[in-house]
Amino acid sequence: MIGNAIEAGGIEPRESQDHGWMYGRSIQDIDGHLWDVFFMDESAMKQTEQNKG
């Protein structure tokens, strides 16, 4: 999806974010709108929080 948006004239205004349990990317379309796309693995997030405690 990100690749298609860039091919259509959009840009990726910041680097991808990988937090282990969450991954996200952003695009800016030709009209200047920002779109954030992310995936969050809730089970991995809970494990990370338990390991901190």
PDB file of N, CA and C in Angstrom:
ATOM      1  N   MET A   1       0.822  -1.184   0.000  1.00  0.00           N
ATOM      2  CA  MET A   1       0.000   0.000   0.000  1.00  0.00           C
ATOM      3  C   MET A   1       0.874   1.258   0.000  1.00  0.00           C
ATOM      4  N   ILE A   2       1.891   1.246   0.836  1.00  0.00           N
ATOM      5  CA  ILE A   2       2.783   2.403   0.894  1.00  0.00           C
ATOM      6  C   ILE A   2       3.482   2.601  -0.451  1.00  0.00           C
ATOM      7  N   GLY A   3       3.942   1.504  -1.033  1.00  0.00           N
ATOM      8  CA  GLY A   3       4.602   1.582  -2.334  1.00  0.00           C
ATOM      9  C   GLY A   3       3.697   2.149  -3.410  1.00  0.00           C
ATOM     10  N   ASN A   4       2.437   1.721  -3.422  1.00  0.00           N
ATOM     11  CA  ASN A   4       1.480   2.252  -4.400  1.00  0.00           C
ATOM     12  C   ASN A   4       1.255   3.740  -4.204  1.00  0.00           C
ATOM     13  N   ALA A   5       1.175   4.175  -2.960  1.00  0.00           N
ATOM     14  CA  ALA A   5       0.960   5.603  -2.674  1.00  0.00           C
ATOM     15  C   ALA A   5       2.154   6.430  -3.141  1.00  0.00           C
ATOM     16  N   ILE A   6       3.351   5.928  -2.932  1.00  0.00           N
ATOM     17  CA  ILE A   6       4.548   6.648  -3.364  1.00  0.00           C
ATOM     18  C   ILE A   6       4.624   6.695  -4.884  1.00  0.00           C
ATOM     19  N   GLU A   7       4.300   5.591  -5.540  1.00  0.00           N
ATOM     20  CA  GLU A   7       4.288   5.565  -7.009  1.00  0.00           C
ATOM     21  C   GLU A   7       3.286   6.550  -7.579  1.00  0.00           C
ATOM     22  N   ALA A   8       2.204   6.815  -6.843  1.00  0.00           N
ATOM     23  CA  ALA A   8       1.164   7.731  -7.308  1.00  0.00           C
ATOM     24  C   ALA A   8       1.487   9.197  -6.989  1.00  0.00           C
ATOM     25  N   GLY A   9       2.666   9.451  -6.407  1.00  0.00           N
ATOM     26  CA  GLY A   9       3.074  10.828  -6.155  1.00  0.00           C
ATOM     27  C   GLY A   9       3.160  11.216  -4.694  1.00  0.00           C
ATOM     28  N   GLY A  10       2.826  10.306  -3.803  1.00  0.00           N
ATOM     29  CA  GLY A  10       2.932  10.598  -2.384  1.00  0.00           C
ATOM     30  C   GLY A  10       4.372  10.484  -1.914  1.00  0.00           C
ATOM     31  N   ILE A  11       4.605  10.892  -0.671  1.00  0.00           N
ATOM     32  CA  ILE A  11       5.940  10.784  -0.090  1.00  0.00           C
ATOM     33  C   ILE A  11       5.839  10.105   1.269  1.00  0.00           C
ATOM     34  N   GLU A  12       6.964   9.591   1.732  1.00  0.00           N
ATOM     35  CA  GLU A  12       7.033   9.001   3.066  1.00  0.00           C
ATOM     36  C   GLU A  12       7.766  10.028   3.940  1.00  0.00           C
ATOM     37  N   PRO A  13       7.027  10.822   4.740  1.00  0.00           N
ATOM     38  CA  PRO A  13       7.631  11.955   5.447  1.00  0.00           C
ATOM     39  C   PRO A  13       8.548  11.586   6.611  1.00  0.00           C
ATOM     40  N   ARG A  14       8.454  10.379   7.118  1.00  0.00           N
ATOM     41  CA  ARG A  14       9.335   9.946   8.212  1.00  0.00           C
ATOM     42  C   ARG A  14       9.625   8.460   8.074  1.00  0.00           C
ATOM     43  N   GLU A  15      10.670   8.037   8.768  1.00  0.00           N
ATOM     44  CA  GLU A  15      11.079   6.638   8.704  1.00  0.00           C
ATOM     45  C   GLU A  15      10.054   5.740   9.380  1.00  0.00           C
ATOM     46  N   SER A  16      10.065   4.468   8.996  1.00  0.00           N
ATOM     47  CA  SER A  16       9.174   3.501   9.632  1.00  0.00           C
ATOM     48  C   SER A  16       9.550   3.359  11.107  1.00  0.00           C
ATOM     49  N   GLN A  17       8.584   2.964  11.914  1.00  0.00           N
ATOM     50  CA  GLN A  17       8.780   2.801  13.348  1.00  0.00           C
ATOM     51  C   GLN A  17       8.556   1.336  13.705  1.00  0.00           C
ATOM     52  N   ASP A  18       9.559   0.715  14.298  1.00  0.00           N
ATOM     53  CA  ASP A  18       9.449  -0.685  14.702  1.00  0.00           C
ATOM     54  C   ASP A  18       9.757  -0.780  16.191  1.00  0.00           C
ATOM     55  N   HIS A  19       8.733  -1.069  16.986  1.00  0.00           N
ATOM     56  CA  HIS A  19       8.879  -1.174  18.433  1.00  0.00           C
ATOM     57  C   HIS A  19       8.810  -2.632  18.903  1.00  0.00           C
ATOM     58  N   GLY A  20       8.961  -3.556  17.977  1.00  0.00           N
ATOM     59  CA  GLY A  20       8.895  -4.972  18.311  1.00  0.00           C
ATOM     60  C   GLY A  20       7.459  -5.477  18.311  1.00  0.00           C
ATOM     61  N   TRP A  21       6.612  -4.907  19.124  1.00  0.00           N
ATOM     62  CA  TRP A  21       5.205  -5.309  19.199  1.00  0.00           C
ATOM     63  C   TRP A  21       4.302  -4.425  18.330  1.00  0.00           C
ATOM     64  N   MET A  22       4.882  -3.323  17.781  1.00  0.00           N
ATOM     65  CA  MET A  22       4.107  -2.434  16.918  1.00  0.00           C
ATOM     66  C   MET A  22       5.021  -1.932  15.800  1.00  0.00           C
ATOM     67  N   TYR A  23       4.469  -1.906  14.581  1.00  0.00           N
ATOM     68  CA  TYR A  23       5.204  -1.435  13.408  1.00  0.00           C
ATOM     69  C   TYR A  23       4.324  -0.436  12.674  1.00  0.00           C
ATOM     70  N   GLY A  24       4.892   0.693  12.285  1.00  0.00           N
ATOM     71  CA  GLY A  24       4.096   1.694  11.589  1.00  0.00           C
ATOM     72  C   GLY A  24       4.881   2.433  10.521  1.00  0.00           C
ATOM     73  N   ARG A  25       4.150   2.911   9.539  1.00  0.00           N
ATOM     74  CA  ARG A  25       4.705   3.749   8.469  1.00  0.00           C
ATOM     75  C   ARG A  25       3.720   4.866   8.179  1.00  0.00           C
ATOM     76  N   SER A  26       4.220   5.922   7.563  1.00  0.00           N
ATOM     77  CA  SER A  26       3.385   7.077   7.240  1.00  0.00           C
ATOM     78  C   SER A  26       3.584   7.470   5.790  1.00  0.00           C
ATOM     79  N   ILE A  27       2.531   8.018   5.211  1.00  0.00           N
ATOM     80  CA  ILE A  27       2.629   8.596   3.869  1.00  0.00           C
ATOM     81  C   ILE A  27       1.925   9.941   3.875  1.00  0.00           C
ATOM     82  N   GLN A  28       2.352  10.784   2.966  1.00  0.00           N
ATOM     83  CA  GLN A  28       1.685  12.061   2.735  1.00  0.00           C
ATOM     84  C   GLN A  28       1.213  12.047   1.294  1.00  0.00           C
ATOM     85  N   ASP A  29      -0.101  12.208   1.083  1.00  0.00           N
ATOM     86  CA  ASP A  29      -0.625  12.138  -0.279  1.00  0.00           C
ATOM     87  C   ASP A  29      -0.371  13.458  -1.014  1.00  0.00           C
ATOM     88  N   ILE A  30      -0.734  13.497  -2.293  1.00  0.00           N
ATOM     89  CA  ILE A  30      -0.432  14.674  -3.114  1.00  0.00           C
ATOM     90  C   ILE A  30      -1.197  15.916  -2.678  1.00  0.00           C
ATOM     91  N   ASP A  31      -2.228  15.750  -1.866  1.00  0.00           N
ATOM     92  CA  ASP A  31      -2.978  16.884  -1.335  1.00  0.00           C
ATOM     93  C   ASP A  31      -2.448  17.350   0.019  1.00  0.00           C
ATOM     94  N   GLY A  32      -1.426  16.665   0.531  1.00  0.00           N
ATOM     95  CA  GLY A  32      -0.826  17.051   1.791  1.00  0.00           C
ATOM     96  C   GLY A  32      -1.391  16.341   3.013  1.00  0.00           C
ATOM     97  N   HIS A  33      -2.333  15.428   2.809  1.00  0.00           N
ATOM     98  CA  HIS A  33      -2.898  14.682   3.940  1.00  0.00           C
ATOM     99  C   HIS A  33      -1.922  13.620   4.419  1.00  0.00           C
ATOM    100  N   LEU A  34      -1.799  13.494   5.727  1.00  0.00           N
ATOM    101  CA  LEU A  34      -0.926  12.480   6.322  1.00  0.00           C
ATOM    102  C   LEU A  34      -1.742  11.251   6.697  1.00  0.00           C
ATOM    103  N   TRP A  35      -1.197  10.082   6.397  1.00  0.00           N
ATOM    104  CA  TRP A  35      -1.846   8.808   6.691  1.00  0.00           C
ATOM    105  C   TRP A  35      -0.858   7.940   7.452  1.00  0.00           C
ATOM    106  N   ASP A  36      -1.268   7.423   8.583  1.00  0.00           N
ATOM    107  CA  ASP A  36      -0.445   6.519   9.371  1.00  0.00           C
ATOM    108  C   ASP A  36      -1.044   5.120   9.284  1.00  0.00           C
ATOM    109  N   VAL A  37      -0.211   4.157   8.945  1.00  0.00           N
ATOM    110  CA  VAL A  37      -0.622   2.764   8.839  1.00  0.00           C
ATOM    111  C   VAL A  37       0.218   1.981   9.831  1.00  0.00           C
ATOM    112  N   PHE A  38      -0.440   1.188  10.684  1.00  0.00           N
ATOM    113  CA  PHE A  38       0.343   0.439  11.657  1.00  0.00           C
ATOM    114  C   PHE A  38      -0.284  -0.916  11.956  1.00  0.00           C
ATOM    115  N   PHE A  39       0.561  -1.778  12.495  1.00  0.00           N
ATOM    116  CA  PHE A  39       0.143  -3.096  12.957  1.00  0.00           C
ATOM    117  C   PHE A  39       0.586  -3.217  14.403  1.00  0.00           C
ATOM    118  N   MET A  40      -0.295  -3.703  15.257  1.00  0.00           N
ATOM    119  CA  MET A  40       0.029  -3.881  16.662  1.00  0.00           C
ATOM    120  C   MET A  40      -0.308  -5.310  17.076  1.00  0.00           C
ATOM    121  N   ASP A  41       0.677  -6.012  17.625  1.00  0.00           N
ATOM    122  CA  ASP A  41       0.496  -7.367  18.130  1.00  0.00           C
ATOM    123  C   ASP A  41       0.230  -7.253  19.632  1.00  0.00           C
ATOM    124  N   GLU A  42      -1.036  -7.286  20.013  1.00  0.00           N
ATOM    125  CA  GLU A  42      -1.409  -7.063  21.412  1.00  0.00           C
ATOM    126  C   GLU A  42      -0.835  -8.117  22.350  1.00  0.00           C
ATOM    127  N   SER A  43      -0.718  -9.360  21.895  1.00  0.00           N
ATOM    128  CA  SER A  43      -0.165 -10.388  22.778  1.00  0.00           C
ATOM    129  C   SER A  43       1.312 -10.114  23.059  1.00  0.00           C
ATOM    130  N   ALA A  44       2.060  -9.654  22.081  1.00  0.00           N
ATOM    131  CA  ALA A  44       3.464  -9.309  22.292  1.00  0.00           C
ATOM    132  C   ALA A  44       3.588  -8.063  23.160  1.00  0.00           C
ATOM    133  N   MET A  45       2.648  -7.118  23.034  1.00  0.00           N
ATOM    134  CA  MET A  45       2.662  -5.920  23.852  1.00  0.00           C
ATOM    135  C   MET A  45       2.486  -6.292  25.324  1.00  0.00           C
ATOM    136  N   LYS A  46       1.567  -7.202  25.604  1.00  0.00           N
ATOM    137  CA  LYS A  46       1.332  -7.625  26.985  1.00  0.00           C
ATOM    138  C   LYS A  46       2.572  -8.308  27.564  1.00  0.00           C
ATOM    139  N   GLN A  47       3.265  -9.109  26.766  1.00  0.00           N
ATOM    140  CA  GLN A  47       4.469  -9.779  27.224  1.00  0.00           C
ATOM    141  C   GLN A  47       5.557  -8.763  27.549  1.00  0.00           C
ATOM    142  N   THR A  48       5.682  -7.723  26.712  1.00  0.00           N
ATOM    143  CA  THR A  48       6.674  -6.670  26.937  1.00  0.00           C
ATOM    144  C   THR A  48       6.382  -5.938  28.232  1.00  0.00           C
ATOM    145  N   GLU A  49       5.110  -5.623  28.491  1.00  0.00           N
ATOM    146  CA  GLU A  49       4.726  -4.921  29.715  1.00  0.00           C
ATOM    147  C   GLU A  49       4.979  -5.796  30.941  1.00  0.00           C
ATOM    148  N   GLN A  50       4.715  -7.091  30.837  1.00  0.00           N
ATOM    149  CA  GLN A  50       4.940  -7.998  31.963  1.00  0.00           C
ATOM    150  C   GLN A  50       6.431  -8.119  32.279  1.00  0.00           C
ATOM    151  N   ASN A  51       7.272  -8.089  31.244  1.00  0.00           N
ATOM    152  CA  ASN A  51       8.718  -8.204  31.450  1.00  0.00           C
ATOM    153  C   ASN A  51       9.285  -6.949  32.119  1.00  0.00           C
ATOM    154  N   LYS A  52       8.627  -5.799  31.956  1.00  0.00           N
ATOM    155  CA  LYS A  52       9.089  -4.563  32.581  1.00  0.00           C
ATOM    156  C   LYS A  52       8.790  -4.546  34.077  1.00  0.00           C
ATOM    157  N   GLY A  53       7.656  -5.155  34.473  1.00  0.00           N
ATOM    158  CA  GLY A  53       7.154  -5.103  35.845  1.00  0.00           C
ATOM    159  C   GLY A  53       7.950  -5.904  36.772  1.00  0.00           C
TER     160      GLY A  53
END
